[in-house]
Amino acid sequence: MLLLRGKRLLVMGRGERGVVLTEVDVTTPSAPKVARTMELAGQLASARLHGGTARVVVASSPEPIIVPSVATLRRRAKATTTT
């Protein structure tokens, strides 16, 4: 997906770990220059340009919560009270 504002182009694509946003200066179209790059975890859901602001929506899932077993909690509690 591409968004253009003046002489700046926002290029959105897939990266190894999610969405890659690359701002490109296209002042000289025959020699575009990368101004900056950002990688976000997740998948590109939507994007739009409103005035001078790019609104990029990225969907991602939270990391799983690992709940320790009761035996592990008891071991930790015992270790804390004996030290």
Protein backbone atom coordinates (compact mmCIF):
# COMPACT_ATOMS: atom_id res chain seq x y z
CA MET A 1 0.00 0.00 0.00
CA LEU A 2 1.21 3.52 -0.78
CA LEU A 3 0.28 6.95 0.58
CA LEU A 4 1.61 10.13 -1.05
CA ARG A 5 1.78 13.57 0.55
CA GLY A 6 3.66 16.20 -1.40
CA LYS A 7 7.13 14.82 -2.07
CA ARG A 8 6.94 12.09 0.61
CA LEU A 9 5.73 8.57 -0.04
CA LEU A 10 4.80 6.12 2.71
CA VAL A 11 5.35 2.55 1.55
CA MET A 12 3.71 -0.20 3.63
CA GLY A 13 4.58 -3.85 3.21
CA ARG A 14 5.32 -7.14 4.94
CA GLY A 15 8.50 -7.77 6.85
CA GLU A 16 9.94 -10.76 8.68
CA ARG A 17 8.09 -9.94 11.90
CA GLY A 18 5.17 -7.81 10.75
CA VAL A 19 4.51 -4.56 8.91
CA VAL A 20 7.32 -2.43 7.51
CA LEU A 21 6.67 1.30 7.05
CA THR A 22 9.17 3.12 4.87
CA GLU A 23 9.10 6.86 4.25
CA VAL A 24 10.63 7.74 0.89
CA ASP A 25 11.61 11.22 -0.33
CA VAL A 26 10.53 11.41 -3.98
CA THR A 27 11.60 14.99 -4.60
CA THR A 28 13.70 13.59 -7.44
CA PRO A 29 11.55 10.75 -8.83
CA SER A 30 14.47 9.22 -10.72
CA ALA A 31 16.48 9.01 -7.48
CA PRO A 32 14.14 8.33 -4.51
CA LYS A 33 15.76 8.33 -1.05
CA VAL A 34 14.66 6.36 2.00
CA ALA A 35 14.10 8.86 4.82
CA ARG A 36 13.28 6.35 7.56
CA THR A 37 11.93 2.86 8.20
CA MET A 38 9.89 1.35 11.03
CA GLU A 39 8.82 -2.24 11.65
CA LEU A 40 5.71 -3.06 13.69
CA ALA A 41 4.58 -6.46 14.96
CA GLY A 42 1.27 -7.56 13.46
CA GLN A 43 -0.58 -7.34 10.16
CA LEU A 44 -1.61 -4.26 8.23
CA ALA A 45 -5.38 -3.85 8.64
CA SER A 46 -5.93 -0.44 7.03
CA ALA A 47 -4.29 2.88 6.24
CA ARG A 48 -5.39 6.32 5.11
CA LEU A 49 -4.08 9.84 4.80
CA HIS A 50 -6.09 12.54 6.56
CA GLY A 51 -4.70 16.03 6.09
CA GLY A 52 -1.00 15.64 6.74
CA THR A 53 -1.31 12.61 9.00
CA ALA A 54 -1.02 8.97 7.99
CA ARG A 55 -3.36 6.73 9.98
CA VAL A 56 -2.04 3.18 9.94
CA VAL A 57 -3.96 0.37 11.64
CA VAL A 58 -2.02 -2.75 12.61
CA ALA A 59 -3.74 -5.82 14.07
CA SER A 60 -1.79 -8.04 16.44
CA SER A 61 -2.43 -10.66 19.08
CA PRO A 62 -1.08 -10.38 22.61
CA GLU A 63 1.65 -12.73 23.78
CA PRO A 64 0.21 -15.80 25.56
CA ILE A 65 0.06 -15.66 29.34
CA ILE A 66 1.81 -18.62 30.93
CA VAL A 67 0.30 -19.45 34.31
CA PRO A 68 2.59 -21.44 36.61
CA SER A 69 1.28 -24.64 38.17
CA VAL A 70 0.20 -24.78 41.80
CA ALA A 71 3.29 -26.88 42.60
CA THR A 72 5.56 -24.21 41.10
CA LEU A 73 3.82 -21.47 43.09
CA ARG A 74 4.21 -23.48 46.30
CA ARG A 75 7.93 -24.05 45.60
CA ARG A 76 8.44 -20.33 45.00
CA ALA A 77 6.55 -19.43 48.17
CA LYS A 78 8.56 -21.90 50.22
CA ALA A 79 11.85 -20.64 48.75
CA THR A 80 10.92 -17.03 49.58
CA THR A 81 9.97 -17.73 53.19
CA THR A 82 13.09 -19.81 53.94
CA THR A 83 15.61 -17.24 52.71
